[in-house]
Protein backbone atom coordinates (compact mmCIF):
# COMPACT_ATOMS: atom_id res chain seq x y z
CA MET A 1 0.00 0.00 0.00
CA CYS A 2 2.83 2.45 0.71
CA TYR A 3 3.74 2.39 -2.98
CA GLU A 4 0.34 3.82 -3.93
CA PHE A 5 1.02 7.22 -2.32
CA ASN A 6 2.87 9.88 -4.27
CA LYS A 7 3.29 12.09 -1.25
CA CYS A 8 2.04 12.50 2.29
CA ILE A 9 1.54 15.77 4.14
CA VAL A 10 1.03 15.87 7.89
CA SER A 11 -0.35 19.05 9.37
CA VAL A 12 -1.36 20.16 12.83
CA CYS A 13 -4.50 22.06 13.66
CA LYS A 14 -4.79 23.81 17.02
CA ARG A 15 -7.72 22.88 19.22
CA SER A 16 -9.01 26.42 18.91
CA CYS A 17 -9.24 25.92 15.14
CA ASN A 18 -11.11 22.62 15.36
CA LYS A 19 -13.65 23.06 18.14
CA VAL A 20 -15.87 20.20 16.94
CA ALA A 21 -13.06 17.63 17.26
CA ASP A 22 -11.99 19.12 20.59
CA CYS A 23 -15.54 18.98 21.98
CA LEU A 24 -16.06 15.39 20.79
CA ALA A 25 -12.74 14.36 22.36
CA THR A 26 -13.67 16.08 25.63
CA PHE A 27 -17.07 14.37 25.58
CA GLY A 28 -15.45 10.96 25.01
CA ALA A 29 -12.87 11.53 27.75
CA ARG A 30 -15.66 12.22 30.24
CA LEU A 31 -17.45 8.91 29.57
CA GLU A 32 -17.22 6.53 32.49
CA GLY A 33 -15.52 3.15 32.14
CA ALA A 34 -16.20 1.33 28.90
CA SER A 35 -19.37 3.25 28.06
CA SER A 36 -19.80 4.73 24.61
CA HIS A 37 -22.19 6.82 22.54
CA VAL A 38 -23.07 6.41 18.87
CA PHE A 39 -24.58 9.30 16.95
CA ILE A 40 -26.30 7.78 13.91
CA ASP A 41 -29.01 10.09 12.62
CA GLN A 42 -28.05 13.45 14.03
CA ALA A 43 -25.03 15.14 15.54
CA PRO A 44 -25.29 15.97 19.24
CA ASP A 45 -26.53 19.49 19.99
CA PHE A 46 -23.16 20.77 21.21
CA VAL A 47 -21.58 19.76 17.89
CA ALA A 48 -24.42 21.06 15.73
CA ARG A 49 -24.13 24.50 17.36
CA LEU A 50 -20.40 24.63 16.70
CA VAL A 51 -20.73 23.48 13.10
CA SER A 52 -23.44 25.97 12.27
CA GLY A 53 -21.46 28.79 13.84
CA ASP A 54 -24.03 29.59 16.51
CA ARG A 55 -21.30 29.62 19.14
CA PRO A 56 -18.23 31.31 17.75
CA GLY A 57 -15.55 31.09 20.39
CA GLY A 58 -17.75 28.79 22.47
CA ARG A 59 -16.43 26.17 24.83
CA CYS A 60 -17.58 22.69 25.80
């Protein structure tokens, strides 16, 4: 598989620039034990607000 790539670029994005990923990671870190959540039909409200821009500069 490594021969199929012409080039690979790795970049870093600050948490402040990717609030959705940061909030999802924070949510997952707060889950107790081996519990989990699956969002199938709709994103959770805290993510939907961030994606739509309703909370610019908002925090989880």
